[in-house]
C-alpha atoms as a PDB file:
ATOM      1  CA  PRO A   1     107.119  89.540 129.950  1.00  0.00           C
ATOM      2  CA  ARG A   2     109.525  92.016 131.597  1.00  0.00           C
ATOM      3  CA  TYR A   3     111.695  92.147 128.468  1.00  0.00           C
ATOM      4  CA  ASP A   4     108.621  92.693 126.288  1.00  0.00           C
ATOM      5  CA  ASN A   5     107.553  95.562 128.563  1.00  0.00           C
ATOM      6  CA  TRP A   6     111.038  97.089 128.264  1.00  0.00           C
ATOM      7  CA  ARG A   7     110.983  96.768 124.471  1.00  0.00           C
ATOM      8  CA  GLN A   8     107.547  98.384 124.187  1.00  0.00           C
ATOM      9  CA  SER A   9     108.622 101.181 126.547  1.00  0.00           C
ATOM     10  CA  VAL A  10     111.661 101.898 124.367  1.00  0.00           C
ATOM     11  CA  TYR A  11     109.435 102.027 121.279  1.00  0.00           C
ATOM     12  CA  ARG A  12     107.029 104.428 123.012  1.00  0.00           C
ATOM     13  CA  LYS A  13     109.898 106.636 124.185  1.00  0.00           C
ATOM     14  CA  ASP A  14     111.113 106.900 120.585  1.00  0.00           C
ATOM     15  CA  ASN A  15     107.641 107.310 119.077  1.00  0.00           C
ATOM     16  CA  HIS A  16     107.876 103.896 117.375  1.00  0.00           C
ATOM     17  CA  THR A  17     110.513 105.360 115.039  1.00  0.00           C
ATOM     18  CA  CYS A  18     114.054 104.325 114.136  1.00  0.00           C
ATOM     19  CA  GLN A  19     116.298 106.961 115.653  1.00  0.00           C
ATOM     20  CA  ILE A  20     118.711 106.798 112.702  1.00  0.00           C
ATOM     21  CA  CYS A  21     116.620 106.650 109.511  1.00  0.00           C
ATOM     22  CA  TYR A  22     113.148 107.440 110.954  1.00  0.00           C
ATOM     23  CA  ASN A  23     111.615 104.246 109.543  1.00  0.00           C
ATOM     24  CA  LYS A  24     108.529 103.057 111.444  1.00  0.00           C
ATOM     25  CA  GLU A  25     108.602  99.423 110.327  1.00  0.00           C
ATOM     26  CA  TYR A  26     110.559  96.327 111.360  1.00  0.00           C
ATOM     27  CA  LEU A  27     111.685  97.863 114.648  1.00  0.00           C
ATOM     28  CA  ASN A  28     114.214  96.553 117.165  1.00  0.00           C
ATOM     29  CA  ALA A  29     114.953  97.810 120.662  1.00  0.00           C
ATOM     30  CA  HIS A  30     118.735  98.097 120.844  1.00  0.00           C
ATOM     31  CA  HIS A  31     120.631  98.028 124.154  1.00  0.00           C
ATOM     32  CA  LEU A  32     123.124 100.913 124.208  1.00  0.00           C
ATOM     33  CA  MET A  33     125.155  99.197 126.925  1.00  0.00           C
ATOM     34  CA  SER A  34     125.151  95.506 126.063  1.00  0.00           C
ATOM     35  CA  TYR A  35     122.509  93.149 127.383  1.00  0.00           C
ATOM     36  CA  ASP A  36     125.056  90.479 128.264  1.00  0.00           C
ATOM     37  CA  LYS A  37     127.623  92.577 130.127  1.00  0.00           C
ATOM     38  CA  TYR A  38     125.500  95.270 131.835  1.00  0.00           C
ATOM     39  CA  VAL A  39     122.909  93.108 133.596  1.00  0.00           C
ATOM     40  CA  GLU A  40     121.755  95.967 135.839  1.00  0.00           C
ATOM     41  CA  LEU A  41     120.806  98.035 132.758  1.00  0.00           C
ATOM     42  CA  ARG A  42     118.927  95.312 130.867  1.00  0.00           C
ATOM     43  CA  LEU A  43     115.499  96.681 131.673  1.00  0.00           C
ATOM     44  CA  ASP A  44     116.400 100.373 131.982  1.00  0.00           C
ATOM     45  CA  VAL A  45     114.400 102.163 129.286  1.00  0.00           C
ATOM     46  CA  ASN A  46     117.156 104.791 129.035  1.00  0.00           C
ATOM     47  CA  ASN A  47     119.551 102.031 127.985  1.00  0.00           C
ATOM     48  CA  GLY A  48     117.439 101.348 124.904  1.00  0.00           C
ATOM     49  CA  ILE A  49     117.018 103.017 121.551  1.00  0.00           C
ATOM     50  CA  THR A  50     114.663 102.129 118.721  1.00  0.00           C
ATOM     51  CA  LEU A  51     116.308 101.081 115.473  1.00  0.00           C
ATOM     52  CA  CYS A  52     114.846  99.523 112.351  1.00  0.00           C
ATOM     53  CA  GLU A  53     116.113  96.083 111.464  1.00  0.00           C
ATOM     54  CA  THR A  54     118.478  97.456 108.798  1.00  0.00           C
ATOM     55  CA  CYS A  55     120.081 100.108 111.030  1.00  0.00           C
ATOM     56  CA  HIS A  56     120.328  97.588 113.883  1.00  0.00           C
ATOM     57  CA  ASP A  57     122.054  95.038 111.659  1.00  0.00           C
ATOM     58  CA  ASN A  58     124.374  97.703 110.243  1.00  0.00           C
ATOM     59  CA  PHE A  59     125.561  98.586 113.755  1.00  0.00           C
ATOM     60  CA  HIS A  60     126.137  94.955 114.767  1.00  0.00           C
ATOM     61  CA  ASN A  61     127.850  94.099 111.479  1.00  0.00           C
ATOM     62  CA  ILE A  62     130.478  96.707 112.361  1.00  0.00           C
ATOM     63  CA  TYR A  63     130.732  96.340 116.164  1.00  0.00           C
ATOM     64  CA  GLY A  64     129.676  92.725 116.654  1.00  0.00           C
ATOM     65  CA  ARG A  65     127.080  91.411 119.087  1.00  0.00           C
ATOM     66  CA  GLY A  66     127.662  91.559 122.795  1.00  0.00           C
ATOM     67  CA  ASP A  67     129.962  93.821 124.779  1.00  0.00           C
ATOM     68  CA  ASN A  68     128.561  96.878 122.943  1.00  0.00           C
ATOM     69  CA  THR A  69     128.673 100.318 124.555  1.00  0.00           C
ATOM     70  CA  LEU A  70     127.126 103.773 124.283  1.00  0.00           C
ATOM     71  CA  PRO A  71     130.451 105.261 123.074  1.00  0.00           C
ATOM     72  CA  GLN A  72     130.448 102.723 120.209  1.00  0.00           C
ATOM     73  CA  PHE A  73     126.925 103.721 119.274  1.00  0.00           C
ATOM     74  CA  LYS A  74     127.804 107.421 119.336  1.00  0.00           C
ATOM     75  CA  GLU A  75     130.870 106.740 117.178  1.00  0.00           C
ATOM     76  CA  HIS A  76     128.684 104.791 114.749  1.00  0.00           C
ATOM     77  CA  ILE A  77     126.179 107.651 114.432  1.00  0.00           C
ATOM     78  CA  ILE A  78     128.950 110.194 113.876  1.00  0.00           C
ATOM     79  CA  ASN A  79     130.561 107.976 111.230  1.00  0.00           C
ATOM     80  CA  ILE A  80     127.413 107.219 109.254  1.00  0.00           C
ATOM     81  CA  THR A  81     126.030 110.765 109.343  1.00  0.00           C
ATOM     82  CA  ASN A  82     129.259 112.772 109.196  1.00  0.00           C
ATOM     83  CA  GLY A  83     128.234 114.214 112.563  1.00  0.00           C
ATOM     84  CA  LEU A  84     124.921 115.602 111.283  1.00  0.00           C
ATOM     85  CA  LEU A  85     122.535 113.408 113.288  1.00  0.00           C
ATOM     86  CA  THR A  86     122.265 113.969 117.023  1.00  0.00           C
ATOM     87  CA  PRO A  87     119.810 111.550 118.631  1.00  0.00           C
ATOM     88  CA  PRO A  88     118.544 112.432 122.123  1.00  0.00           C
ATOM     89  CA  ILE A  89     121.051 109.994 123.666  1.00  0.00           C
ATOM     90  CA  PHE A  90     123.838 112.408 122.738  1.00  0.00           C
ATOM     91  CA  GLU A  91     122.427 114.926 125.207  1.00  0.00           C
ATOM     92  CA  LYS A  92     123.111 112.663 128.201  1.00  0.00           C
END
């Protein structure tokens, strides 16, 4: 239940919209600092970002699953958008 609450809070924060392609279907709540390594951040809504299934898979196909970090995610966004997309997480 706590994880489901976290996931729904991340979706609400991001207006139920993928923060890369703006799709509103097939959403995933992605941990910016990995779920497995950063236990203290698992349920921190600010450690989550909403991605559609395709954008989520694209990230993990490049960076793997587990041990992921915010700098990796920022690098990914810069690479796929040629630096044109600046999600709110870049402002932190």
